[in-house]
N, C-alpha and C. Protein backbone atom coordinates (compact mmCIF):
# COMPACT_ATOMS: atom_id res chain seq x y z
N UNK A 1 -14.20 0.92 -19.50
CA UNK A 1 -14.19 2.28 -19.03
C UNK A 1 -15.44 2.49 -18.17
N UNK A 2 -15.28 3.30 -17.17
CA UNK A 2 -16.35 3.55 -16.21
C UNK A 2 -16.61 5.04 -16.09
N UNK A 3 -17.88 5.41 -15.94
CA UNK A 3 -18.20 6.82 -15.68
C UNK A 3 -19.45 6.90 -14.83
N UNK A 4 -19.58 8.00 -14.13
CA UNK A 4 -20.80 8.27 -13.38
C UNK A 4 -21.15 9.74 -13.55
N UNK A 5 -22.44 10.03 -13.55
CA UNK A 5 -22.92 11.39 -13.73
C UNK A 5 -24.09 11.58 -12.78
N UNK A 6 -24.39 12.80 -12.47
CA UNK A 6 -25.42 13.07 -11.47
C UNK A 6 -26.81 12.61 -11.90
N UNK A 7 -27.16 12.76 -13.15
CA UNK A 7 -28.52 12.39 -13.51
C UNK A 7 -28.74 11.87 -14.91
N UNK A 8 -27.77 12.00 -15.78
CA UNK A 8 -27.96 11.61 -17.17
C UNK A 8 -26.98 10.50 -17.53
N UNK A 9 -27.50 9.33 -17.86
CA UNK A 9 -26.65 8.20 -18.25
C UNK A 9 -26.26 8.39 -19.72
N UNK A 10 -24.97 8.55 -19.97
CA UNK A 10 -24.50 8.79 -21.33
C UNK A 10 -23.09 8.23 -21.49
N UNK A 11 -22.82 7.72 -22.68
CA UNK A 11 -21.48 7.19 -22.97
C UNK A 11 -20.59 8.25 -23.63
N UNK A 12 -21.06 9.46 -23.79
CA UNK A 12 -20.29 10.48 -24.51
C UNK A 12 -18.95 10.77 -23.85
N UNK A 13 -18.89 10.82 -22.54
CA UNK A 13 -17.60 11.06 -21.87
C UNK A 13 -16.64 9.92 -22.14
N UNK A 14 -17.15 8.70 -22.12
CA UNK A 14 -16.30 7.55 -22.40
C UNK A 14 -15.85 7.54 -23.85
N UNK A 15 -16.74 7.89 -24.76
CA UNK A 15 -16.38 7.97 -26.18
C UNK A 15 -15.25 8.97 -26.39
N UNK A 16 -15.30 10.09 -25.68
CA UNK A 16 -14.28 11.13 -25.82
C UNK A 16 -12.93 10.67 -25.27
N UNK A 17 -12.94 9.76 -24.31
CA UNK A 17 -11.69 9.28 -23.72
C UNK A 17 -11.02 8.17 -24.52
N UNK A 18 -11.75 7.52 -25.41
CA UNK A 18 -11.15 6.42 -26.18
C UNK A 18 -9.90 6.83 -26.96
N UNK A 19 -9.91 7.95 -27.69
CA UNK A 19 -8.68 8.34 -28.39
C UNK A 19 -7.52 8.62 -27.43
N UNK A 20 -7.82 9.14 -26.25
CA UNK A 20 -6.77 9.40 -25.26
C UNK A 20 -6.14 8.09 -24.81
N UNK A 21 -6.99 7.13 -24.49
CA UNK A 21 -6.49 5.81 -24.06
C UNK A 21 -5.63 5.19 -25.15
N UNK A 22 -6.11 5.23 -26.37
CA UNK A 22 -5.35 4.63 -27.49
C UNK A 22 -4.06 5.39 -27.76
N UNK A 23 -4.06 6.71 -27.61
CA UNK A 23 -2.84 7.48 -27.86
C UNK A 23 -1.77 7.19 -26.82
N UNK A 24 -2.18 6.69 -25.66
CA UNK A 24 -1.23 6.28 -24.63
C UNK A 24 -0.80 4.83 -24.80
N UNK A 25 -1.16 4.24 -25.96
CA UNK A 25 -0.83 2.84 -26.29
C UNK A 25 -1.43 1.87 -25.29
N UNK A 26 -2.63 2.19 -24.84
CA UNK A 26 -3.37 1.33 -23.93
C UNK A 26 -4.52 0.69 -24.70
N UNK A 27 -5.03 -0.41 -24.18
CA UNK A 27 -6.16 -1.09 -24.79
C UNK A 27 -7.39 -0.92 -23.90
N UNK A 28 -8.42 -0.24 -24.39
CA UNK A 28 -9.62 -0.08 -23.56
C UNK A 28 -10.40 -1.40 -23.48
N UNK A 29 -10.95 -1.68 -22.33
CA UNK A 29 -11.82 -2.84 -22.15
C UNK A 29 -13.12 -2.55 -22.91
N UNK A 30 -13.63 -3.51 -23.69
CA UNK A 30 -14.82 -3.24 -24.51
C UNK A 30 -16.07 -2.83 -23.73
N UNK A 31 -16.30 -3.44 -22.58
CA UNK A 31 -17.51 -3.12 -21.82
C UNK A 31 -17.36 -1.77 -21.15
N UNK A 32 -18.42 -0.99 -21.26
CA UNK A 32 -18.45 0.33 -20.62
C UNK A 32 -19.55 0.34 -19.58
N UNK A 33 -19.29 1.02 -18.49
CA UNK A 33 -20.29 1.13 -17.42
C UNK A 33 -20.56 2.61 -17.18
N UNK A 34 -21.79 3.02 -17.38
CA UNK A 34 -22.21 4.40 -17.15
C UNK A 34 -23.30 4.39 -16.10
N UNK A 35 -23.04 5.02 -14.98
CA UNK A 35 -23.99 5.03 -13.86
C UNK A 35 -24.43 6.45 -13.54
N UNK A 36 -25.55 6.55 -12.84
CA UNK A 36 -26.04 7.84 -12.36
C UNK A 36 -26.22 7.77 -10.85
N UNK A 37 -26.54 8.88 -10.24
CA UNK A 37 -26.77 8.91 -8.80
C UNK A 37 -27.86 7.94 -8.38
N UNK A 38 -28.84 7.72 -9.24
CA UNK A 38 -29.96 6.83 -8.91
C UNK A 38 -29.54 5.37 -8.81
N UNK A 39 -28.34 5.04 -9.27
CA UNK A 39 -27.86 3.66 -9.22
C UNK A 39 -27.20 3.33 -7.89
N UNK A 40 -27.13 4.30 -6.97
CA UNK A 40 -26.47 4.12 -5.68
C UNK A 40 -27.41 4.52 -4.55
N UNK A 41 -27.22 3.92 -3.38
CA UNK A 41 -27.98 4.34 -2.21
C UNK A 41 -27.21 5.43 -1.46
N UNK A 42 -27.70 5.83 -0.31
CA UNK A 42 -27.07 6.92 0.45
C UNK A 42 -25.67 6.55 0.96
N UNK A 43 -25.35 5.25 1.01
CA UNK A 43 -24.02 4.80 1.42
C UNK A 43 -23.11 4.49 0.23
N UNK A 44 -23.56 4.93 -0.95
CA UNK A 44 -22.83 4.73 -2.21
C UNK A 44 -22.67 3.26 -2.59
N UNK A 45 -23.62 2.44 -2.16
CA UNK A 45 -23.66 1.04 -2.56
C UNK A 45 -24.52 0.93 -3.81
N UNK A 46 -24.11 0.10 -4.75
CA UNK A 46 -24.85 -0.04 -6.01
C UNK A 46 -26.19 -0.72 -5.73
N UNK A 47 -27.26 -0.11 -6.23
CA UNK A 47 -28.60 -0.66 -6.05
C UNK A 47 -29.22 -1.14 -7.36
N UNK A 48 -28.63 -0.77 -8.46
CA UNK A 48 -29.16 -1.15 -9.78
C UNK A 48 -28.51 -2.46 -10.21
N UNK A 49 -29.30 -3.55 -10.32
CA UNK A 49 -28.72 -4.84 -10.70
C UNK A 49 -28.10 -4.84 -12.10
N UNK A 50 -28.61 -4.02 -13.01
CA UNK A 50 -28.03 -3.96 -14.35
C UNK A 50 -26.62 -3.36 -14.31
N UNK A 51 -26.43 -2.36 -13.47
CA UNK A 51 -25.09 -1.76 -13.32
C UNK A 51 -24.16 -2.77 -12.68
N UNK A 52 -24.63 -3.48 -11.68
CA UNK A 52 -23.82 -4.52 -11.03
C UNK A 52 -23.40 -5.58 -12.05
N UNK A 53 -24.32 -6.01 -12.90
CA UNK A 53 -24.01 -7.00 -13.93
C UNK A 53 -22.94 -6.49 -14.89
N UNK A 54 -23.05 -5.22 -15.30
CA UNK A 54 -22.07 -4.65 -16.23
C UNK A 54 -20.70 -4.53 -15.57
N UNK A 55 -20.67 -4.19 -14.29
CA UNK A 55 -19.40 -4.11 -13.57
C UNK A 55 -18.75 -5.48 -13.51
N UNK A 56 -19.55 -6.51 -13.24
CA UNK A 56 -19.01 -7.88 -13.21
C UNK A 56 -18.47 -8.28 -14.57
N UNK A 57 -19.19 -7.94 -15.65
CA UNK A 57 -18.71 -8.24 -17.00
C UNK A 57 -17.41 -7.49 -17.28
N UNK A 58 -17.37 -6.22 -16.91
CA UNK A 58 -16.16 -5.41 -17.08
C UNK A 58 -14.98 -6.06 -16.36
N UNK A 59 -15.18 -6.47 -15.13
CA UNK A 59 -14.11 -7.10 -14.34
C UNK A 59 -13.67 -8.42 -14.96
N UNK A 60 -14.63 -9.21 -15.44
CA UNK A 60 -14.29 -10.46 -16.11
C UNK A 60 -13.42 -10.21 -17.35
N UNK A 61 -13.78 -9.20 -18.13
CA UNK A 61 -12.99 -8.86 -19.32
C UNK A 61 -11.60 -8.36 -18.94
N UNK A 62 -11.52 -7.57 -17.90
CA UNK A 62 -10.22 -7.07 -17.44
C UNK A 62 -9.33 -8.21 -16.98
N UNK A 63 -9.87 -9.15 -16.22
CA UNK A 63 -9.11 -10.31 -15.76
C UNK A 63 -8.66 -11.15 -16.95
N UNK A 64 -9.56 -11.39 -17.90
CA UNK A 64 -9.19 -12.16 -19.10
C UNK A 64 -8.04 -11.49 -19.84
N UNK A 65 -8.16 -10.17 -20.02
CA UNK A 65 -7.13 -9.44 -20.75
C UNK A 65 -5.78 -9.52 -20.03
N UNK A 66 -5.79 -9.35 -18.73
CA UNK A 66 -4.53 -9.40 -17.96
C UNK A 66 -3.92 -10.79 -18.02
N UNK A 67 -4.75 -11.82 -17.96
CA UNK A 67 -4.22 -13.20 -18.07
C UNK A 67 -3.57 -13.41 -19.44
N UNK A 68 -4.20 -12.95 -20.49
CA UNK A 68 -3.63 -13.10 -21.84
C UNK A 68 -2.36 -12.28 -22.00
N UNK A 69 -2.34 -11.12 -21.40
CA UNK A 69 -1.18 -10.24 -21.50
C UNK A 69 0.06 -10.86 -20.87
N UNK A 70 -0.14 -11.57 -19.76
CA UNK A 70 0.99 -12.12 -19.03
C UNK A 70 1.22 -13.60 -19.26
N UNK A 71 0.53 -14.19 -20.25
CA UNK A 71 0.80 -15.59 -20.59
C UNK A 71 2.20 -15.72 -21.14
N UNK A 72 2.79 -16.83 -20.88
CA UNK A 72 4.15 -17.07 -21.42
C UNK A 72 4.07 -17.64 -22.80
């Protein structure tokens, strides 16, 4: 799950969405990414290497999950 906020990095919004995701019979990816405005430059490019690392981990988990889901 991913979220961004103007100035306060918090997982509370993501925590609140977990029951919604599960009630829709979906599986949330374990890694969460919470970013703030300070993690982006004026062109909305990610400048925080820790956020970039978490996004890469999130994508790796999503790819792994999709591969397992569609295995024969």
